[in-house]
């Protein structure tokens, strides 16, 4: 059981770094575009989708850990 928990933490660490990088990229795009008074909506949209997917994946890992803590793992792999 402990190995599975550490595996989830290790695997999620990459997504935390990706989330931080995507946040940096979005703020860089917004502030850079604000300086030249031109917003690249496509680039901002791509960053927002990436942030959404990062958060969705991390929330799924948090839910898995919660279910493991309470020993309610029935149907966790039924997808």
C-alpha atoms as a PDB file:
ATOM      1  CA  UNK A   1       0.000   0.000   0.000  1.00  0.00           C
ATOM      2  CA  UNK A   2       2.754   2.451   0.938  1.00  0.00           C
ATOM      3  CA  UNK A   3       4.493   1.862  -2.379  1.00  0.00           C
ATOM      4  CA  UNK A   4       1.329   2.823  -4.275  1.00  0.00           C
ATOM      5  CA  UNK A   5       0.979   6.044  -2.293  1.00  0.00           C
ATOM      6  CA  UNK A   6       4.582   7.048  -2.961  1.00  0.00           C
ATOM      7  CA  UNK A   7       4.147   6.144  -6.625  1.00  0.00           C
ATOM      8  CA  UNK A   8       1.188   8.529  -6.873  1.00  0.00           C
ATOM      9  CA  UNK A   9       3.195  11.295  -5.155  1.00  0.00           C
ATOM     10  CA  UNK A  10       6.188  10.709  -7.431  1.00  0.00           C
ATOM     11  CA  UNK A  11       4.084  10.609 -10.578  1.00  0.00           C
ATOM     12  CA  UNK A  12       2.130  13.718  -9.564  1.00  0.00           C
ATOM     13  CA  UNK A  13       5.321  15.664  -8.946  1.00  0.00           C
ATOM     14  CA  UNK A  14       5.870  15.986 -12.676  1.00  0.00           C
ATOM     15  CA  UNK A  15       2.392  17.415 -13.114  1.00  0.00           C
ATOM     16  CA  UNK A  16       2.977  19.933 -10.313  1.00  0.00           C
ATOM     17  CA  UNK A  17       6.058  21.135 -12.194  1.00  0.00           C
ATOM     18  CA  UNK A  18       4.076  21.216 -15.438  1.00  0.00           C
ATOM     19  CA  UNK A  19       1.355  23.229 -13.713  1.00  0.00           C
ATOM     20  CA  UNK A  20       3.941  25.734 -12.460  1.00  0.00           C
ATOM     21  CA  UNK A  21       5.482  25.985 -15.934  1.00  0.00           C
ATOM     22  CA  UNK A  22       2.061  26.505 -17.554  1.00  0.00           C
ATOM     23  CA  UNK A  23       1.225  29.236 -15.027  1.00  0.00           C
ATOM     24  CA  UNK A  24       4.529  30.937 -15.763  1.00  0.00           C
ATOM     25  CA  UNK A  25       3.929  30.682 -19.502  1.00  0.00           C
ATOM     26  CA  UNK A  26       0.416  32.136 -19.212  1.00  0.00           C
ATOM     27  CA  UNK A  27       1.536  35.082 -17.099  1.00  0.00           C
ATOM     28  CA  UNK A  28       4.463  35.676 -19.448  1.00  0.00           C
ATOM     29  CA  UNK A  29       2.135  35.743 -22.470  1.00  0.00           C
ATOM     30  CA  UNK A  30      -0.397  38.025 -20.789  1.00  0.00           C
ATOM     31  CA  UNK A  31       2.147  40.539 -19.488  1.00  0.00           C
ATOM     32  CA  UNK A  32       4.195  40.512 -22.688  1.00  0.00           C
ATOM     33  CA  UNK A  33       1.077  41.051 -24.789  1.00  0.00           C
ATOM     34  CA  UNK A  34      -0.133  43.784 -22.433  1.00  0.00           C
ATOM     35  CA  UNK A  35       3.045  45.726 -23.110  1.00  0.00           C
ATOM     36  CA  UNK A  36       2.405  45.737 -26.851  1.00  0.00           C
ATOM     37  CA  UNK A  37      -1.411  46.085 -26.538  1.00  0.00           C
ATOM     38  CA  UNK A  38      -2.076  42.901 -28.487  1.00  0.00           C
ATOM     39  CA  UNK A  39      -3.420  39.685 -27.017  1.00  0.00           C
ATOM     40  CA  UNK A  40      -2.863  36.350 -28.749  1.00  0.00           C
ATOM     41  CA  UNK A  41      -6.137  34.643 -27.864  1.00  0.00           C
ATOM     42  CA  UNK A  42      -5.104  31.303 -29.337  1.00  0.00           C
ATOM     43  CA  UNK A  43      -1.958  31.124 -27.211  1.00  0.00           C
ATOM     44  CA  UNK A  44      -3.873  32.143 -24.080  1.00  0.00           C
ATOM     45  CA  UNK A  45      -6.513  29.496 -24.853  1.00  0.00           C
ATOM     46  CA  UNK A  46      -3.867  26.809 -25.247  1.00  0.00           C
ATOM     47  CA  UNK A  47      -2.362  27.710 -21.864  1.00  0.00           C
ATOM     48  CA  UNK A  48      -5.790  27.691 -20.202  1.00  0.00           C
ATOM     49  CA  UNK A  49      -6.559  24.217 -21.584  1.00  0.00           C
ATOM     50  CA  UNK A  50      -3.158  22.973 -20.370  1.00  0.00           C
ATOM     51  CA  UNK A  51      -3.826  24.406 -16.896  1.00  0.00           C
ATOM     52  CA  UNK A  52      -7.268  22.796 -16.821  1.00  0.00           C
ATOM     53  CA  UNK A  53      -5.857  19.381 -17.738  1.00  0.00           C
ATOM     54  CA  UNK A  54      -3.059  19.690 -15.168  1.00  0.00           C
ATOM     55  CA  UNK A  55      -5.535  20.559 -12.419  1.00  0.00           C
ATOM     56  CA  UNK A  56      -7.929  17.807 -13.502  1.00  0.00           C
ATOM     57  CA  UNK A  57      -5.171  15.193 -13.360  1.00  0.00           C
ATOM     58  CA  UNK A  58      -3.940  16.362  -9.944  1.00  0.00           C
ATOM     59  CA  UNK A  59      -7.497  16.367  -8.596  1.00  0.00           C
ATOM     60  CA  UNK A  60      -7.870  12.759  -9.797  1.00  0.00           C
ATOM     61  CA  UNK A  61      -4.701  11.789  -7.931  1.00  0.00           C
ATOM     62  CA  UNK A  62      -5.965  13.532  -4.789  1.00  0.00           C
ATOM     63  CA  UNK A  63      -9.252  11.644  -5.123  1.00  0.00           C
ATOM     64  CA  UNK A  64      -7.400   8.325  -5.511  1.00  0.00           C
ATOM     65  CA  UNK A  65      -5.344   8.997  -2.377  1.00  0.00           C
ATOM     66  CA  UNK A  66      -8.509   9.951  -0.478  1.00  0.00           C
ATOM     67  CA  UNK A  67     -10.214   6.714  -1.554  1.00  0.00           C
ATOM     68  CA  UNK A  68      -7.132   4.693  -0.592  1.00  0.00           C
ATOM     69  CA  UNK A  69      -6.989   6.361   2.827  1.00  0.00           C
ATOM     70  CA  UNK A  70     -10.601   5.391   3.531  1.00  0.00           C
ATOM     71  CA  UNK A  71     -10.191   1.956   1.925  1.00  0.00           C
ATOM     72  CA  UNK A  72     -12.987   2.599  -0.581  1.00  0.00           C
ATOM     73  CA  UNK A  73     -11.230   1.541  -3.755  1.00  0.00           C
ATOM     74  CA  UNK A  74     -14.056  -0.473  -5.288  1.00  0.00           C
ATOM     75  CA  UNK A  75     -14.589   0.443  -8.949  1.00  0.00           C
ATOM     76  CA  UNK A  76     -11.505   2.678  -9.035  1.00  0.00           C
ATOM     77  CA  UNK A  77     -10.205   0.812 -12.119  1.00  0.00           C
ATOM     78  CA  UNK A  78     -13.548   0.241 -13.819  1.00  0.00           C
ATOM     79  CA  UNK A  79     -13.139   3.039 -16.363  1.00  0.00           C
END
